[in-house]
Amino acid sequence: MANSEPAIELADVDLSLGEGAARVHILRSVSLTIARGEAVGLVGASGSGKSTLLMTIAGLERPDRGAVMVDGMRIDQMGEDALARFRGQRIGFVFQSFHLIPTMTALENVAAPLELADRRDAFDRAAAELALVGLSDRQRHYPAQLSGGEQQRVALARALAPRPSVVIADEPTGNLDEATGRAIIDLLFSERQRSGATLVLVTHDPALAARCGRTLRMASGRLEAAAPAPAGA
């Protein structure tokens, strides 16, 4: 359940990428407030700026102008080391392409961000997260030994293991068949509800976006009018 305290605030954010004549204006005067515990779907045509907005919220891209606040911290003004620590503790990522480390087992992939945060219980917590996504019997398997759906379950466990306050999901079903994608989304929403994390989900699927409490549409780097949350959401 969302409350009134913002988890994410963007104020008049502009961002361009590239150099010289190849420089492209990606985000244009984007202002956005997302409450703690809210689930927001972000839709729009390819090239509209959705993924860049996610990367800006995560501190992986720095705006040319404007302010980015996440969990009460002004992340666009942080140094790289502080920002990396902040991401490791507060933000979980689920990508279309899984981004698992191929030379690590499922257990090691999930434990990796916990070890970077110096968690002594990294492997115990990783095992518990894998159990929550139904992969207790696959802990010792490497990514190449797992199906696409299993790999995305590992990625979801890795994203949620540090107990992040914000979860960023960029087309998390894009490389999965329809049935597997539905299962992953059911799992993502149930785990997000359990943890109370704020979710920002980029998708091309309007039905998937509609599962969020609010849908935002991007066009040419700008946010259009938001669709209201359905009654009782």
C-alpha atoms as a PDB file:
ATOM      1  CA  MET A   1       0.000   0.000   0.000  1.00  0.00           C
ATOM      2  CA  ALA A   2       1.463   3.354  -1.027  1.00  0.00           C
ATOM      3  CA  ASN A   3       1.692   6.236   1.413  1.00  0.00           C
ATOM      4  CA  SER A   4       2.159   9.961   0.863  1.00  0.00           C
ATOM      5  CA  GLU A   5       5.930  10.114   1.448  1.00  0.00           C
ATOM      6  CA  PRO A   6       7.736  10.166  -1.914  1.00  0.00           C
ATOM      7  CA  ALA A   7      10.119   7.367  -2.813  1.00  0.00           C
ATOM      8  CA  ILE A   8      11.136   9.046  -6.087  1.00  0.00           C
ATOM      9  CA  GLU A   9      11.044  12.701  -7.116  1.00  0.00           C
ATOM     10  CA  LEU A  10      12.297  14.169 -10.382  1.00  0.00           C
ATOM     11  CA  ALA A  11      12.163  17.931 -10.873  1.00  0.00           C
ATOM     12  CA  ASP A  12      12.504  19.428 -14.364  1.00  0.00           C
ATOM     13  CA  VAL A  13      15.025  16.827 -15.543  1.00  0.00           C
ATOM     14  CA  ASP A  14      16.723  17.202 -18.928  1.00  0.00           C
ATOM     15  CA  LEU A  15      19.212  14.672 -20.259  1.00  0.00           C
ATOM     16  CA  SER A  16      21.115  14.385 -23.552  1.00  0.00           C
ATOM     17  CA  LEU A  17      23.382  11.568 -24.709  1.00  0.00           C
ATOM     18  CA  GLY A  18      26.163  11.485 -27.294  1.00  0.00           C
ATOM     19  CA  GLU A  19      28.728  14.036 -28.377  1.00  0.00           C
ATOM     20  CA  GLY A  20      28.770  16.886 -30.872  1.00  0.00           C
ATOM     21  CA  ALA A  21      26.473  16.495 -33.875  1.00  0.00           C
ATOM     22  CA  ALA A  22      25.437  13.046 -32.610  1.00  0.00           C
ATOM     23  CA  ARG A  23      24.138  14.425 -29.302  1.00  0.00           C
ATOM     24  CA  VAL A  24      20.457  13.572 -28.793  1.00  0.00           C
ATOM     25  CA  HIS A  25      18.054  15.202 -26.338  1.00  0.00           C
ATOM     26  CA  ILE A  26      16.459  12.175 -24.585  1.00  0.00           C
ATOM     27  CA  LEU A  27      14.564  13.522 -21.543  1.00  0.00           C
ATOM     28  CA  ARG A  28      12.801  16.883 -21.713  1.00  0.00           C
ATOM     29  CA  SER A  29      11.633  18.726 -18.582  1.00  0.00           C
ATOM     30  CA  VAL A  30      10.541  15.545 -16.803  1.00  0.00           C
ATOM     31  CA  SER A  31       8.956  16.051 -13.384  1.00  0.00           C
ATOM     32  CA  LEU A  32       7.591  13.068 -11.496  1.00  0.00           C
ATOM     33  CA  THR A  33       6.659  12.012  -7.968  1.00  0.00           C
ATOM     34  CA  ILE A  34       6.184   8.372  -6.977  1.00  0.00           C
ATOM     35  CA  ALA A  35       4.995   7.495  -3.479  1.00  0.00           C
ATOM     36  CA  ARG A  36       6.593   4.856  -1.277  1.00  0.00           C
ATOM     37  CA  GLY A  37       5.127   1.445  -1.994  1.00  0.00           C
ATOM     38  CA  GLU A  38       3.539   2.557  -5.270  1.00  0.00           C
ATOM     39  CA  ALA A  39       3.694   0.457  -8.456  1.00  0.00           C
ATOM     40  CA  VAL A  40       4.025   2.555 -11.612  1.00  0.00           C
ATOM     41  CA  GLY A  41       3.941   1.272 -15.183  1.00  0.00           C
ATOM     42  CA  LEU A  42       5.871   3.243 -17.789  1.00  0.00           C
ATOM     43  CA  VAL A  43       4.763   2.827 -21.409  1.00  0.00           C
ATOM     44  CA  GLY A  44       5.513   4.477 -24.748  1.00  0.00           C
ATOM     45  CA  ALA A  45       6.983   3.815 -28.165  1.00  0.00           C
ATOM     46  CA  SER A  46      10.553   2.589 -28.621  1.00  0.00           C
ATOM     47  CA  GLY A  47      12.910   5.548 -28.347  1.00  0.00           C
ATOM     48  CA  SER A  48      10.508   7.607 -26.244  1.00  0.00           C
ATOM     49  CA  GLY A  49      12.917   7.720 -23.293  1.00  0.00           C
ATOM     50  CA  LYS A  50      11.451   5.057 -20.988  1.00  0.00           C
ATOM     51  CA  SER A  51      14.638   3.123 -20.297  1.00  0.00           C
ATOM     52  CA  THR A  52      16.684   6.321 -19.997  1.00  0.00           C
ATOM     53  CA  LEU A  53      14.236   7.569 -17.387  1.00  0.00           C
ATOM     54  CA  LEU A  54      14.716   4.326 -15.456  1.00  0.00           C
ATOM     55  CA  MET A  55      18.488   4.695 -15.665  1.00  0.00           C
ATOM     56  CA  THR A  56      18.208   8.267 -14.406  1.00  0.00           C
ATOM     57  CA  ILE A  57      16.086   7.181 -11.443  1.00  0.00           C
ATOM     58  CA  ALA A  58      18.731   4.551 -10.679  1.00  0.00           C
ATOM     59  CA  GLY A  59      21.603   7.019 -10.952  1.00  0.00           C
ATOM     60  CA  LEU A  60      23.114   5.199 -13.938  1.00  0.00           C
ATOM     61  CA  GLU A  61      22.628   8.328 -16.058  1.00  0.00           C
ATOM     62  CA  ARG A  62      23.143  11.855 -14.714  1.00  0.00           C
ATOM     63  CA  PRO A  63      20.841  14.633 -15.912  1.00  0.00           C
ATOM     64  CA  ASP A  64      22.163  17.769 -17.577  1.00  0.00           C
ATOM     65  CA  ARG A  65      19.667  19.786 -15.552  1.00  0.00           C
ATOM     66  CA  GLY A  66      17.157  19.179 -12.783  1.00  0.00           C
ATOM     67  CA  ALA A  67      17.079  17.188  -9.532  1.00  0.00           C
ATOM     68  CA  VAL A  68      16.674  13.457  -8.843  1.00  0.00           C
ATOM     69  CA  MET A  69      15.665  12.387  -5.332  1.00  0.00           C
ATOM     70  CA  VAL A  70      15.398   8.710  -4.371  1.00  0.00           C
ATOM     71  CA  ASP A  71      14.587   7.580  -0.848  1.00  0.00           C
ATOM     72  CA  GLY A  72      15.102  11.135   0.387  1.00  0.00           C
ATOM     73  CA  MET A  73      18.608  11.426  -1.135  1.00  0.00           C
ATOM     74  CA  ARG A  74      19.666  13.813  -3.913  1.00  0.00           C
ATOM     75  CA  ILE A  75      21.389  11.169  -6.040  1.00  0.00           C
ATOM     76  CA  ASP A  76      22.311  13.395  -8.997  1.00  0.00           C
ATOM     77  CA  GLN A  77      24.762  15.221  -6.707  1.00  0.00           C
ATOM     78  CA  MET A  78      26.391  12.107  -5.231  1.00  0.00           C
ATOM     79  CA  GLY A  79      29.936  11.022  -6.037  1.00  0.00           C
ATOM     80  CA  GLU A  80      30.369   7.744  -7.911  1.00  0.00           C
ATOM     81  CA  ASP A  81      31.405   5.692  -4.866  1.00  0.00           C
ATOM     82  CA  ALA A  82      28.539   6.949  -2.715  1.00  0.00           C
ATOM     83  CA  LEU A  83      26.117   6.407  -5.575  1.00  0.00           C
ATOM     84  CA  ALA A  84      27.317   2.828  -6.103  1.00  0.00           C
ATOM     85  CA  ARG A  85      26.808   2.084  -2.394  1.00  0.00           C
ATOM     86  CA  PHE A  86      23.378   3.702  -2.508  1.00  0.00           C
ATOM     87  CA  ARG A  87      22.317   1.587  -5.498  1.00  0.00           C
ATOM     88  CA  GLY A  88      23.579  -1.572  -3.857  1.00  0.00           C
ATOM     89  CA  GLN A  89      21.527  -0.931  -0.735  1.00  0.00           C
ATOM     90  CA  ARG A  90      18.379   0.789  -2.012  1.00  0.00           C
ATOM     91  CA  ILE A  91      17.701  -0.170  -5.658  1.00  0.00           C
ATOM     92  CA  GLY A  92      16.984  -3.592  -7.166  1.00  0.00           C
ATOM     93  CA  PHE A  93      17.231  -4.170 -10.934  1.00  0.00           C
ATOM     94  CA  VAL A  94      15.394  -6.655 -13.145  1.00  0.00           C
ATOM     95  CA  PHE A  95      16.408  -6.474 -16.815  1.00  0.00           C
ATOM     96  CA  GLN A  96      15.082  -8.047 -20.014  1.00  0.00           C
ATOM     97  CA  SER A  97      18.366  -9.886 -20.597  1.00  0.00           C
ATOM     98  CA  PHE A  98      18.761 -11.242 -17.026  1.00  0.00           C
ATOM     99  CA  HIS A  99      22.418 -10.041 -16.704  1.00  0.00           C
ATOM    100  CA  LEU A 100      23.483 -13.027 -14.632  1.00  0.00           C
ATOM    101  CA  ILE A 101      27.209 -13.745 -14.279  1.00  0.00           C
ATOM    102  CA  PRO A 102      27.747 -16.939 -16.333  1.00  0.00           C
ATOM    103  CA  THR A 103      30.633 -18.260 -14.214  1.00  0.00           C
ATOM    104  CA  MET A 104      28.616 -18.061 -10.989  1.00  0.00           C
ATOM    105  CA  THR A 105      25.944 -20.465  -9.758  1.00  0.00           C
ATOM    106  CA  ALA A 106      22.419 -19.229  -9.077  1.00  0.00           C
ATOM    107  CA  LEU A 107      23.264 -19.009  -5.377  1.00  0.00           C
ATOM    108  CA  GLU A 108      26.460 -17.046  -6.045  1.00  0.00           C
ATOM    109  CA  ASN A 109      24.648 -14.646  -8.404  1.00  0.00           C
ATOM    110  CA  VAL A 110      22.056 -13.826  -5.745  1.00  0.00           C
ATOM    111  CA  ALA A 111      24.676 -13.564  -2.992  1.00  0.00           C
ATOM    112  CA  ALA A 112      26.961 -11.263  -5.006  1.00  0.00           C
ATOM    113  CA  PRO A 113      25.287  -7.904  -4.157  1.00  0.00           C
ATOM    114  CA  LEU A 114      24.969  -8.977  -0.521  1.00  0.00           C
ATOM    115  CA  GLU A 115      28.683  -9.776  -0.365  1.00  0.00           C
ATOM    116  CA  LEU A 116      29.474  -6.374  -1.891  1.00  0.00           C
ATOM    117  CA  ALA A 117      27.433  -4.849   0.942  1.00  0.00           C
ATOM    118  CA  ASP A 118      29.512  -6.879   3.460  1.00  0.00           C
ATOM    119  CA  ARG A 119      26.536  -8.933   4.601  1.00  0.00           C
ATOM    120  CA  ARG A 120      27.834 -11.842   6.677  1.00  0.00           C
ATOM    121  CA  ASP A 121      24.637 -13.786   5.984  1.00  0.00           C
ATOM    122  CA  ALA A 122      24.918 -13.297   2.211  1.00  0.00           C
ATOM    123  CA  PHE A 123      24.601 -16.962   1.260  1.00  0.00           C
ATOM    124  CA  ASP A 124      21.892 -17.741   3.818  1.00  0.00           C
ATOM    125  CA  ARG A 125      19.818 -14.838   2.563  1.00  0.00           C
ATOM    126  CA  ALA A 126      20.500 -15.776  -1.058  1.00  0.00           C
ATOM    127  CA  ALA A 127      19.287 -19.310  -0.386  1.00  0.00           C
ATOM    128  CA  ALA A 128      16.136 -17.946   1.279  1.00  0.00           C
ATOM    129  CA  GLU A 129      15.402 -15.673  -1.707  1.00  0.00           C
ATOM    130  CA  LEU A 130      15.871 -18.527  -4.159  1.00  0.00           C
ATOM    131  CA  ALA A 131      13.417 -20.571  -2.094  1.00  0.00           C
ATOM    132  CA  LEU A 132      10.863 -17.756  -2.351  1.00  0.00           C
ATOM    133  CA  VAL A 133      11.066 -17.860  -6.160  1.00  0.00           C
ATOM    134  CA  GLY A 134      10.836 -21.662  -6.225  1.00  0.00           C
ATOM    135  CA  LEU A 135      14.458 -22.460  -7.053  1.00  0.00           C
ATOM    136  CA  SER A 136      15.767 -24.184  -3.936  1.00  0.00           C
ATOM    137  CA  ASP A 137      16.733 -27.197  -6.056  1.00  0.00           C
ATOM    138  CA  ARG A 138      18.627 -25.098  -8.622  1.00  0.00           C
ATOM    139  CA  GLN A 139      21.036 -23.226  -6.334  1.00  0.00           C
ATOM    140  CA  ARG A 140      24.149 -24.973  -7.665  1.00  0.00           C
ATOM    141  CA  HIS A 141      23.233 -24.614 -11.345  1.00  0.00           C
ATOM    142  CA  TYR A 142      24.927 -22.121 -13.642  1.00  0.00           C
ATOM    143  CA  PRO A 143      22.897 -19.747 -15.849  1.00  0.00           C
ATOM    144  CA  ALA A 144      23.537 -21.846 -18.979  1.00  0.00           C
ATOM    145  CA  GLN A 145      21.938 -24.809 -17.187  1.00  0.00           C
ATOM    146  CA  LEU A 146      18.729 -22.847 -16.460  1.00  0.00           C
ATOM    147  CA  SER A 147      15.755 -22.015 -18.663  1.00  0.00           C
ATOM    148  CA  GLY A 148      14.974 -18.398 -19.477  1.00  0.00           C
ATOM    149  CA  GLY A 149      12.219 -18.330 -16.873  1.00  0.00           C
ATOM    150  CA  GLU A 150      14.536 -19.795 -14.248  1.00  0.00           C
ATOM    151  CA  GLN A 151      17.224 -17.255 -15.083  1.00  0.00           C
ATOM    152  CA  GLN A 152      14.733 -14.430 -14.641  1.00  0.00           C
ATOM    153  CA  ARG A 153      13.672 -15.910 -11.290  1.00  0.00           C
ATOM    154  CA  VAL A 154      17.323 -15.843 -10.219  1.00  0.00           C
ATOM    155  CA  ALA A 155      17.551 -12.226 -11.402  1.00  0.00           C
ATOM    156  CA  LEU A 156      14.423 -11.374  -9.411  1.00  0.00           C
ATOM    157  CA  ALA A 157      15.820 -13.042  -6.297  1.00  0.00           C
ATOM    158  CA  ARG A 158      19.067 -11.108  -6.746  1.00  0.00           C
ATOM    159  CA  ALA A 159      17.165  -7.824  -7.102  1.00  0.00           C
ATOM    160  CA  LEU A 160      15.136  -8.384  -3.943  1.00  0.00           C
ATOM    161  CA  ALA A 161      17.768 -10.009  -1.708  1.00  0.00           C
ATOM    162  CA  PRO A 162      19.259  -6.708  -0.432  1.00  0.00           C
ATOM    163  CA  ARG A 163      15.721  -5.593   0.598  1.00  0.00           C
ATOM    164  CA  PRO A 164      15.751  -2.551  -1.713  1.00  0.00           C
ATOM    165  CA  SER A 165      13.265   0.257  -1.224  1.00  0.00           C
ATOM    166  CA  VAL A 166      12.927   0.700  -5.017  1.00  0.00           C
ATOM    167  CA  VAL A 167      12.724  -1.998  -7.713  1.00  0.00           C
ATOM    168  CA  ILE A 168      13.430  -1.024 -11.330  1.00  0.00           C
ATOM    169  CA  ALA A 169      12.156  -3.483 -13.958  1.00  0.00           C
ATOM    170  CA  ASP A 170      12.949  -2.875 -17.638  1.00  0.00           C
ATOM    171  CA  GLU A 171      10.890  -5.151 -19.931  1.00  0.00           C
ATOM    172  CA  PRO A 172      11.339  -8.099 -17.535  1.00  0.00           C
ATOM    173  CA  THR A 173       9.295 -10.456 -19.751  1.00  0.00           C
ATOM    174  CA  GLY A 174      10.797  -9.353 -23.074  1.00  0.00           C
ATOM    175  CA  ASN A 175      12.861 -12.528 -23.575  1.00  0.00           C
ATOM    176  CA  LEU A 176      10.252 -14.964 -22.250  1.00  0.00           C
ATOM    177  CA  ASP A 177       7.324 -16.798 -23.799  1.00  0.00           C
ATOM    178  CA  GLU A 178       3.846 -15.641 -22.809  1.00  0.00           C
ATOM    179  CA  ALA A 179       3.128 -18.262 -20.145  1.00  0.00           C
ATOM    180  CA  THR A 180       6.564 -17.927 -18.531  1.00  0.00           C
ATOM    181  CA  GLY A 181       6.285 -14.137 -18.672  1.00  0.00           C
ATOM    182  CA  ARG A 182       2.955 -14.234 -16.833  1.00  0.00           C
ATOM    183  CA  ALA A 183       4.464 -16.433 -14.134  1.00  0.00           C
ATOM    184  CA  ILE A 184       7.412 -14.067 -13.689  1.00  0.00           C
ATOM    185  CA  ILE A 185       5.121 -11.039 -13.441  1.00  0.00           C
ATOM    186  CA  ASP A 186       2.888 -12.786 -10.889  1.00  0.00           C
ATOM    187  CA  LEU A 187       6.022 -13.508  -8.892  1.00  0.00           C
ATOM    188  CA  LEU A 188       7.350  -9.947  -9.251  1.00  0.00           C
ATOM    189  CA  PHE A 189       4.115  -8.415  -8.001  1.00  0.00           C
ATOM    190  CA  SER A 190       3.672 -10.859  -5.126  1.00  0.00           C
ATOM    191  CA  GLU A 191       7.265 -10.412  -3.969  1.00  0.00           C
ATOM    192  CA  ARG A 192       7.017  -6.626  -4.303  1.00  0.00           C
ATOM    193  CA  GLN A 193       3.862  -6.646  -2.202  1.00  0.00           C
ATOM    194  CA  ARG A 194       5.556  -8.805   0.408  1.00  0.00           C
ATOM    195  CA  SER A 195       8.553  -6.509   0.633  1.00  0.00           C
ATOM    196  CA  GLY A 196       6.673  -3.204   0.333  1.00  0.00           C
ATOM    197  CA  ALA A 197       9.138  -1.923  -2.277  1.00  0.00           C
ATOM    198  CA  THR A 198       8.278   0.816  -4.754  1.00  0.00           C
ATOM    199  CA  LEU A 199       8.136  -0.565  -8.313  1.00  0.00           C
ATOM    200  CA  VAL A 200       8.809   1.252 -11.589  1.00  0.00           C
ATOM    201  CA  LEU A 201       8.100  -1.069 -14.523  1.00  0.00           C
ATOM    202  CA  VAL A 202       8.858  -0.347 -18.194  1.00  0.00           C
ATOM    203  CA  THR A 203       6.786  -2.425 -20.584  1.00  0.00           C
ATOM    204  CA  HIS A 204       5.336  -2.418 -24.094  1.00  0.00           C
ATOM    205  CA  ASP A 205       2.362  -4.443 -22.812  1.00  0.00           C
ATOM    206  CA  PRO A 206      -0.618  -2.253 -21.774  1.00  0.00           C
ATOM    207  CA  ALA A 207      -2.189  -5.171 -19.880  1.00  0.00           C
ATOM    208  CA  LEU A 208       0.970  -5.548 -17.808  1.00  0.00           C
ATOM    209  CA  ALA A 209       1.163  -1.807 -17.145  1.00  0.00           C
ATOM    210  CA  ALA A 210      -2.480  -1.917 -16.038  1.00  0.00           C
ATOM    211  CA  ARG A 211      -1.495  -4.210 -13.157  1.00  0.00           C
ATOM    212  CA  CYS A 212       0.321  -1.257 -11.642  1.00  0.00           C
ATOM    213  CA  GLY A 213      -1.545   1.304  -9.587  1.00  0.00           C
ATOM    214  CA  ARG A 214      -0.689   4.042 -12.079  1.00  0.00           C
ATOM    215  CA  THR A 215       0.435   4.167 -15.697  1.00  0.00           C
ATOM    216  CA  LEU A 216       2.657   6.895 -17.151  1.00  0.00           C
ATOM    217  CA  ARG A 217       3.177   7.352 -20.876  1.00  0.00           C
ATOM    218  CA  MET A 218       6.308   8.791 -22.458  1.00  0.00           C
ATOM    219  CA  ALA A 219       6.472  10.411 -25.890  1.00  0.00           C
ATOM    220  CA  SER A 220       9.538  12.160 -27.353  1.00  0.00           C
ATOM    221  CA  GLY A 221      11.227  12.375 -23.964  1.00  0.00           C
ATOM    222  CA  ARG A 222       8.281  13.892 -22.125  1.00  0.00           C
ATOM    223  CA  LEU A 223       5.781  12.442 -19.691  1.00  0.00           C
ATOM    224  CA  GLU A 224       2.210  12.694 -20.904  1.00  0.00           C
ATOM    225  CA  ALA A 225      -0.835  12.832 -18.635  1.00  0.00           C
ATOM    226  CA  ALA A 226      -0.881   9.919 -16.229  1.00  0.00           C
ATOM    227  CA  ALA A 227      -3.685   7.381 -16.229  1.00  0.00           C
ATOM    228  CA  PRO A 228      -5.365   7.315 -12.785  1.00  0.00           C
ATOM    229  CA  ALA A 229      -5.206   4.302 -10.554  1.00  0.00           C
ATOM    230  CA  PRO A 230      -8.268   2.080 -10.826  1.00  0.00           C
ATOM    231  CA  ALA A 231     -10.757   2.257  -7.972  1.00  0.00           C
ATOM    232  CA  GLY A 232      -9.658   0.205  -5.006  1.00  0.00           C
ATOM    233  CA  ALA A 233      -6.057  -0.136  -6.223  1.00  0.00           C
END
